[in-house]
Amino acid sequence: MPSIAAFSQFVERYGHARVKANHKEAEFNLGQWVHVQRRRYRASKRSGESFEALDDLNFVWAVR
């Protein structure tokens, strides 16, 4: 999954999982993708595989 790969690269590079809304990895809008993942999480519309993969990378589900 290229989106999770981009997120993984971000975490590896910066040492944290708090992606700013306007952040891009190459031409991929990672910030927007992270926003959508958080929205799906809140609405419980996530696949088990991607949810677990993001949890393994310490995805920040709530930023408030």
C-alpha atoms as a PDB file:
ATOM      1  CA  MET A   1       0.000   0.000   0.000  1.00  0.00           C
ATOM      2  CA  PRO A   2       1.825   3.178  -1.158  1.00  0.00           C
ATOM      3  CA  SER A   3       0.011   5.430   1.330  1.00  0.00           C
ATOM      4  CA  ILE A   4       1.112   3.388   4.339  1.00  0.00           C
ATOM      5  CA  ALA A   5       4.609   3.206   2.850  1.00  0.00           C
ATOM      6  CA  ALA A   6       4.711   7.008   2.592  1.00  0.00           C
ATOM      7  CA  PHE A   7       3.533   7.277   6.205  1.00  0.00           C
ATOM      8  CA  SER A   8       6.155   4.753   7.307  1.00  0.00           C
ATOM      9  CA  GLN A   9       8.878   6.754   5.562  1.00  0.00           C
ATOM     10  CA  PHE A  10       7.660   9.912   7.296  1.00  0.00           C
ATOM     11  CA  VAL A  11       7.831   8.225  10.719  1.00  0.00           C
ATOM     12  CA  GLU A  12      11.289   6.865   9.986  1.00  0.00           C
ATOM     13  CA  ARG A  13      12.568  10.243   8.781  1.00  0.00           C
ATOM     14  CA  TYR A  14      11.073  12.478  11.494  1.00  0.00           C
ATOM     15  CA  GLY A  15      10.824  10.072  14.426  1.00  0.00           C
ATOM     16  CA  HIS A  16       7.145  10.815  15.110  1.00  0.00           C
ATOM     17  CA  ALA A  17       3.734  10.195  13.565  1.00  0.00           C
ATOM     18  CA  ARG A  18       2.163  13.651  13.738  1.00  0.00           C
ATOM     19  CA  VAL A  19       1.766  14.630  10.099  1.00  0.00           C
ATOM     20  CA  LYS A  20       0.778  18.226   9.356  1.00  0.00           C
ATOM     21  CA  ALA A  21      -2.256  18.720   7.129  1.00  0.00           C
ATOM     22  CA  ASN A  22      -0.242  20.188   4.251  1.00  0.00           C
ATOM     23  CA  HIS A  23       2.639  17.694   4.296  1.00  0.00           C
ATOM     24  CA  LYS A  24       3.557  15.959   1.021  1.00  0.00           C
ATOM     25  CA  GLU A  25       5.852  13.010   0.386  1.00  0.00           C
ATOM     26  CA  ALA A  26       7.081  13.375  -3.186  1.00  0.00           C
ATOM     27  CA  GLU A  27       3.805  14.123  -5.009  1.00  0.00           C
ATOM     28  CA  PHE A  28       1.615  12.267  -2.492  1.00  0.00           C
ATOM     29  CA  ASN A  29      -0.485  14.463  -0.195  1.00  0.00           C
ATOM     30  CA  LEU A  30       0.277  12.583   3.012  1.00  0.00           C
ATOM     31  CA  GLY A  31      -1.354  15.177   5.262  1.00  0.00           C
ATOM     32  CA  GLN A  32      -4.675  14.818   3.469  1.00  0.00           C
ATOM     33  CA  TRP A  33      -4.427  11.026   3.554  1.00  0.00           C
ATOM     34  CA  VAL A  34      -3.785  11.095   7.321  1.00  0.00           C
ATOM     35  CA  HIS A  35      -6.813  13.361   7.768  1.00  0.00           C
ATOM     36  CA  VAL A  36      -9.008  10.868   5.877  1.00  0.00           C
ATOM     37  CA  GLN A  37      -7.695   7.964   7.981  1.00  0.00           C
ATOM     38  CA  ARG A  38      -8.593   9.820  11.188  1.00  0.00           C
ATOM     39  CA  ARG A  39     -12.061  10.569   9.849  1.00  0.00           C
ATOM     40  CA  ARG A  40     -12.580   6.903   8.917  1.00  0.00           C
ATOM     41  CA  TYR A  41     -11.342   5.859  12.348  1.00  0.00           C
ATOM     42  CA  ARG A  42     -13.889   8.102  14.045  1.00  0.00           C
ATOM     43  CA  ALA A  43     -16.627   6.741  11.781  1.00  0.00           C
ATOM     44  CA  SER A  44     -15.334   3.157  12.252  1.00  0.00           C
ATOM     45  CA  LYS A  45     -14.944   2.709   8.490  1.00  0.00           C
ATOM     46  CA  ARG A  46     -11.476   1.249   8.420  1.00  0.00           C
ATOM     47  CA  SER A  47     -10.146  -2.057   7.248  1.00  0.00           C
ATOM     48  CA  GLY A  48      -8.543  -4.270   9.849  1.00  0.00           C
ATOM     49  CA  GLU A  49      -5.331  -4.602   7.874  1.00  0.00           C
ATOM     50  CA  SER A  50      -4.686  -0.879   7.421  1.00  0.00           C
ATOM     51  CA  PHE A  51      -5.792  -0.134  10.992  1.00  0.00           C
ATOM     52  CA  GLU A  52      -3.291  -2.613  12.394  1.00  0.00           C
ATOM     53  CA  ALA A  53      -0.511  -1.429  10.089  1.00  0.00           C
ATOM     54  CA  LEU A  54      -1.031   2.181  11.181  1.00  0.00           C
ATOM     55  CA  ASP A  55      -1.191   1.191  14.847  1.00  0.00           C
ATOM     56  CA  ASP A  56       2.133  -0.612  14.415  1.00  0.00           C
ATOM     57  CA  LEU A  57       3.597   2.714  13.232  1.00  0.00           C
ATOM     58  CA  ASN A  58       2.145   4.592  16.257  1.00  0.00           C
ATOM     59  CA  PHE A  59      -0.400   6.474  14.146  1.00  0.00           C
ATOM     60  CA  VAL A  60      -1.867   9.422  16.082  1.00  0.00           C
ATOM     61  CA  TRP A  61      -5.636   8.938  15.861  1.00  0.00           C
ATOM     62  CA  ALA A  62      -6.620  12.039  17.837  1.00  0.00           C
ATOM     63  CA  VAL A  63      -4.654  15.272  17.666  1.00  0.00           C
ATOM     64  CA  ARG A  64      -6.544  17.449  20.123  1.00  0.00           C
END
